[in-house]
C-alpha atoms as a PDB file:
ATOM      1  CA  MET A   1      14.747  22.100   1.966  1.00  0.00           C
ATOM      2  CA  LYS A   2      11.600  20.033   1.550  1.00  0.00           C
ATOM      3  CA  LYS A   3      11.525  16.811   3.564  1.00  0.00           C
ATOM      4  CA  THR A   4      10.899  13.666   1.521  1.00  0.00           C
ATOM      5  CA  LYS A   5       7.654  11.927   2.411  1.00  0.00           C
ATOM      6  CA  THR A   6       8.084   8.311   3.509  1.00  0.00           C
ATOM      7  CA  THR A   7       4.403   7.618   4.242  1.00  0.00           C
ATOM      8  CA  PRO A   8       1.218   9.655   4.011  1.00  0.00           C
ATOM      9  CA  ASP A   9      -0.089  11.326   7.172  1.00  0.00           C
ATOM     10  CA  LYS A  10      -3.368   9.399   6.906  1.00  0.00           C
ATOM     11  CA  LEU A  11      -4.213   5.976   5.544  1.00  0.00           C
ATOM     12  CA  LEU A  12      -5.295   5.850   1.917  1.00  0.00           C
ATOM     13  CA  THR A  13      -8.920   5.325   0.926  1.00  0.00           C
ATOM     14  CA  GLU A  14      -9.852   1.962  -0.573  1.00  0.00           C
ATOM     15  CA  THR A  15      -9.820   3.354  -4.126  1.00  0.00           C
ATOM     16  CA  GLU A  16      -6.555   5.261  -3.578  1.00  0.00           C
ATOM     17  CA  LEU A  17      -4.963   2.062  -2.301  1.00  0.00           C
ATOM     18  CA  GLU A  18      -6.307   0.123  -5.286  1.00  0.00           C
ATOM     19  CA  LEU A  19      -4.644   2.574  -7.694  1.00  0.00           C
ATOM     20  CA  MET A  20      -1.426   2.739  -5.653  1.00  0.00           C
ATOM     21  CA  THR A  21      -1.207  -1.074  -5.666  1.00  0.00           C
ATOM     22  CA  ILE A  22      -1.310  -1.004  -9.458  1.00  0.00           C
ATOM     23  CA  LEU A  23       1.409   1.656  -9.607  1.00  0.00           C
ATOM     24  CA  TRP A  24       3.595  -0.218  -7.093  1.00  0.00           C
ATOM     25  CA  LYS A  25       3.362  -3.281  -9.354  1.00  0.00           C
ATOM     26  CA  LEU A  26       4.030  -1.291 -12.541  1.00  0.00           C
ATOM     27  CA  GLY A  27       6.714   0.957 -11.042  1.00  0.00           C
ATOM     28  CA  GLU A  28       5.139   3.920 -12.866  1.00  0.00           C
ATOM     29  CA  GLY A  29       2.319   4.536 -15.277  1.00  0.00           C
ATOM     30  CA  SER A  30      -0.132   6.853 -16.987  1.00  0.00           C
ATOM     31  CA  VAL A  31      -3.854   7.116 -16.268  1.00  0.00           C
ATOM     32  CA  GLY A  32      -4.398   4.722 -19.192  1.00  0.00           C
ATOM     33  CA  ASP A  33      -1.897   2.213 -17.774  1.00  0.00           C
ATOM     34  CA  VAL A  34      -3.695   2.245 -14.427  1.00  0.00           C
ATOM     35  CA  ILE A  35      -7.112   1.761 -16.073  1.00  0.00           C
ATOM     36  CA  GLU A  36      -5.712  -1.110 -18.173  1.00  0.00           C
ATOM     37  CA  ASN A  37      -4.571  -2.878 -15.001  1.00  0.00           C
ATOM     38  CA  LEU A  38      -7.855  -2.526 -13.108  1.00  0.00           C
ATOM     39  CA  PRO A  39      -9.878  -5.734 -12.776  1.00  0.00           C
ATOM     40  CA  LYS A  40     -12.226  -6.150 -15.757  1.00  0.00           C
ATOM     41  CA  GLU A  41     -15.310  -5.795 -13.542  1.00  0.00           C
ATOM     42  CA  ARG A  42     -13.967  -2.528 -12.052  1.00  0.00           C
ATOM     43  CA  ASP A  43     -15.576   0.297 -14.012  1.00  0.00           C
ATOM     44  CA  LEU A  44     -13.791   3.555 -13.189  1.00  0.00           C
ATOM     45  CA  ALA A  45     -13.987   6.450 -15.628  1.00  0.00           C
ATOM     46  CA  TYR A  46     -10.784   7.963 -17.013  1.00  0.00           C
ATOM     47  CA  THR A  47     -11.622  11.284 -15.327  1.00  0.00           C
ATOM     48  CA  SER A  48     -12.148   9.558 -11.951  1.00  0.00           C
ATOM     49  CA  VAL A  49      -8.787   7.774 -12.143  1.00  0.00           C
ATOM     50  CA  SER A  50      -7.099  11.001 -13.261  1.00  0.00           C
ATOM     51  CA  THR A  51      -8.633  12.945 -10.356  1.00  0.00           C
ATOM     52  CA  ILE A  52      -7.639  10.322  -7.769  1.00  0.00           C
ATOM     53  CA  LEU A  53      -4.066  10.202  -9.092  1.00  0.00           C
ATOM     54  CA  ARG A  54      -3.849  14.015  -8.857  1.00  0.00           C
ATOM     55  CA  ILE A  55      -5.134  13.828  -5.255  1.00  0.00           C
ATOM     56  CA  LEU A  56      -2.428  11.232  -4.483  1.00  0.00           C
ATOM     57  CA  GLU A  57       0.127  13.613  -5.995  1.00  0.00           C
ATOM     58  CA  GLN A  58      -1.160  16.435  -3.735  1.00  0.00           C
ATOM     59  CA  LYS A  59      -0.836  14.060  -0.755  1.00  0.00           C
ATOM     60  CA  GLU A  60       2.804  13.530  -1.878  1.00  0.00           C
ATOM     61  CA  VAL A  61       2.219   9.801  -2.313  1.00  0.00           C
ATOM     62  CA  LEU A  62       2.891  10.079  -6.053  1.00  0.00           C
ATOM     63  CA  LYS A  63       5.315  12.130  -8.126  1.00  0.00           C
ATOM     64  CA  THR A  64       4.663  13.018 -11.748  1.00  0.00           C
ATOM     65  CA  ARG A  65       6.681  13.468 -14.861  1.00  0.00           C
ATOM     66  CA  LYS A  66       5.279  15.171 -17.951  1.00  0.00           C
ATOM     67  CA  GLU A  67       5.346  12.921 -20.996  1.00  0.00           C
ATOM     68  CA  GLY A  68       3.848  14.217 -24.212  1.00  0.00           C
ATOM     69  CA  ARG A  69       0.429  15.627 -23.404  1.00  0.00           C
ATOM     70  CA  GLY A  70      -0.025  13.459 -20.322  1.00  0.00           C
ATOM     71  CA  HIS A  71       1.633  12.596 -17.060  1.00  0.00           C
ATOM     72  CA  ILE A  72       3.445   9.540 -15.779  1.00  0.00           C
ATOM     73  CA  TYR A  73       2.737   8.810 -12.118  1.00  0.00           C
ATOM     74  CA  ILE A  74       5.524   7.357  -9.967  1.00  0.00           C
ATOM     75  CA  PRO A  75       5.085   6.111  -6.375  1.00  0.00           C
ATOM     76  CA  ALA A  76       6.856   8.459  -3.957  1.00  0.00           C
ATOM     77  CA  ILE A  77       6.567   5.998  -1.067  1.00  0.00           C
ATOM     78  CA  LYS A  78       7.565   2.346  -0.887  1.00  0.00           C
ATOM     79  CA  LYS A  79       4.841  -0.254  -0.531  1.00  0.00           C
ATOM     80  CA  SER A  80       6.679  -1.759   2.454  1.00  0.00           C
ATOM     81  CA  ASP A  81       6.688   1.643   4.227  1.00  0.00           C
ATOM     82  CA  TYR A  82       2.945   1.995   3.694  1.00  0.00           C
ATOM     83  CA  GLU A  83       2.352  -1.589   4.890  1.00  0.00           C
ATOM     84  CA  ALA A  84       4.332  -0.880   8.073  1.00  0.00           C
ATOM     85  CA  LYS A  85       2.360   2.317   8.742  1.00  0.00           C
ATOM     86  CA  THR A  86      -0.931   0.472   8.194  1.00  0.00           C
ATOM     87  CA  VAL A  87       0.012  -2.377  10.547  1.00  0.00           C
ATOM     88  CA  ARG A  88       1.076   0.130  13.240  1.00  0.00           C
ATOM     89  CA  HIS A  89      -2.253   1.908  12.797  1.00  0.00           C
ATOM     90  CA  VAL A  90      -4.254  -1.338  13.086  1.00  0.00           C
ATOM     91  CA  VAL A  91      -2.286  -2.506  16.140  1.00  0.00           C
ATOM     92  CA  ASP A  92      -2.709   0.888  17.846  1.00  0.00           C
ATOM     93  CA  LYS A  93      -6.340   1.594  16.947  1.00  0.00           C
ATOM     94  CA  VAL A  94      -7.945  -1.852  16.741  1.00  0.00           C
ATOM     95  CA  PHE A  95      -5.815  -4.031  19.024  1.00  0.00           C
ATOM     96  CA  ASP A  96      -5.097  -1.472  21.777  1.00  0.00           C
ATOM     97  CA  GLY A  97      -1.394  -1.358  20.958  1.00  0.00           C
ATOM     98  CA  THR A  98      -0.978  -5.126  21.460  1.00  0.00           C
ATOM     99  CA  PRO A  99       0.703  -6.831  18.475  1.00  0.00           C
ATOM    100  CA  VAL A 100       0.091 -10.285  19.990  1.00  0.00           C
ATOM    101  CA  ALA A 101      -3.672  -9.675  19.780  1.00  0.00           C
ATOM    102  CA  LEU A 102      -3.326  -8.954  16.066  1.00  0.00           C
ATOM    103  CA  VAL A 103      -1.307 -12.135  15.474  1.00  0.00           C
ATOM    104  CA  ARG A 104      -3.765 -14.216  17.527  1.00  0.00           C
ATOM    105  CA  GLN A 105      -6.704 -12.837  15.515  1.00  0.00           C
ATOM    106  CA  LEU A 106      -4.835 -13.486  12.280  1.00  0.00           C
ATOM    107  CA  LEU A 107      -4.168 -17.109  13.243  1.00  0.00           C
ATOM    108  CA  ASP A 108      -7.774 -17.594  14.426  1.00  0.00           C
ATOM    109  CA  THR A 109      -9.478 -16.121  11.364  1.00  0.00           C
ATOM    110  CA  MET A 110      -7.214 -16.880   8.388  1.00  0.00           C
ATOM    111  CA  LYS A 111      -6.611 -20.271   6.838  1.00  0.00           C
ATOM    112  CA  ILE A 112      -2.879 -20.700   7.302  1.00  0.00           C
ATOM    113  CA  ASP A 113      -1.374 -23.917   5.989  1.00  0.00           C
ATOM    114  CA  GLN A 114       1.567 -25.767   7.519  1.00  0.00           C
ATOM    115  CA  SER A 115       4.152 -24.244   5.183  1.00  0.00           C
ATOM    116  CA  GLU A 116       2.997 -20.739   6.143  1.00  0.00           C
ATOM    117  CA  LEU A 117       3.119 -21.687   9.840  1.00  0.00           C
ATOM    118  CA  ASP A 118       6.661 -22.987   9.333  1.00  0.00           C
ATOM    119  CA  GLU A 119       7.597 -19.700   7.662  1.00  0.00           C
ATOM    120  CA  LEU A 120       6.099 -17.741  10.582  1.00  0.00           C
ATOM    121  CA  LYS A 121       8.126 -19.844  13.033  1.00  0.00           C
ATOM    122  CA  LYS A 122      11.309 -19.032  11.085  1.00  0.00           C
ATOM    123  CA  ILE A 123      10.456 -15.317  11.135  1.00  0.00           C
ATOM    124  CA  ILE A 124       9.887 -15.469  14.906  1.00  0.00           C
ATOM    125  CA  ALA A 125      13.177 -17.341  15.423  1.00  0.00           C
ATOM    126  CA  GLN A 126      15.026 -14.731  13.291  1.00  0.00           C
ATOM    127  CA  SER A 127      13.371 -11.940  15.265  1.00  0.00           C
ATOM    128  CA  GLU A 128      14.494 -13.542  18.550  1.00  0.00           C
ATOM    129  CA  GLY A 129      18.036 -13.763  17.170  1.00  0.00           C
ATOM    130  CA  LYS A 130      18.073  -9.996  16.588  1.00  0.00           C
ATOM    131  CA  ARG A 131      17.312  -9.190  20.231  1.00  0.00           C
END
């Protein structure tokens, strides 16, 4: 029995992630749907989008369903699972396995307003309650 893929073995390329983000928002879509949802200034040819979506299918990140003469692409992994894998990768590879270093850098480099800080404090308090 084939094991279901929860996240890809490697991180996605920037363009793969761009197309996956569109499909996560849409839930599913054709090559045309993906192109329609690209930013106006983003000029990707139909054949390029089609090729990248087929590569994502080979990586088991997308599933397909035949519809008419084309295919409908459906995310095979949840966005939250990919986000978690990416954060683990960044913590391990960039911050030497130290999550606190990531959070410190985030707080130092991003403009975080008071409401976001309050939300972070709530998340930390909830996390402490789970221990």
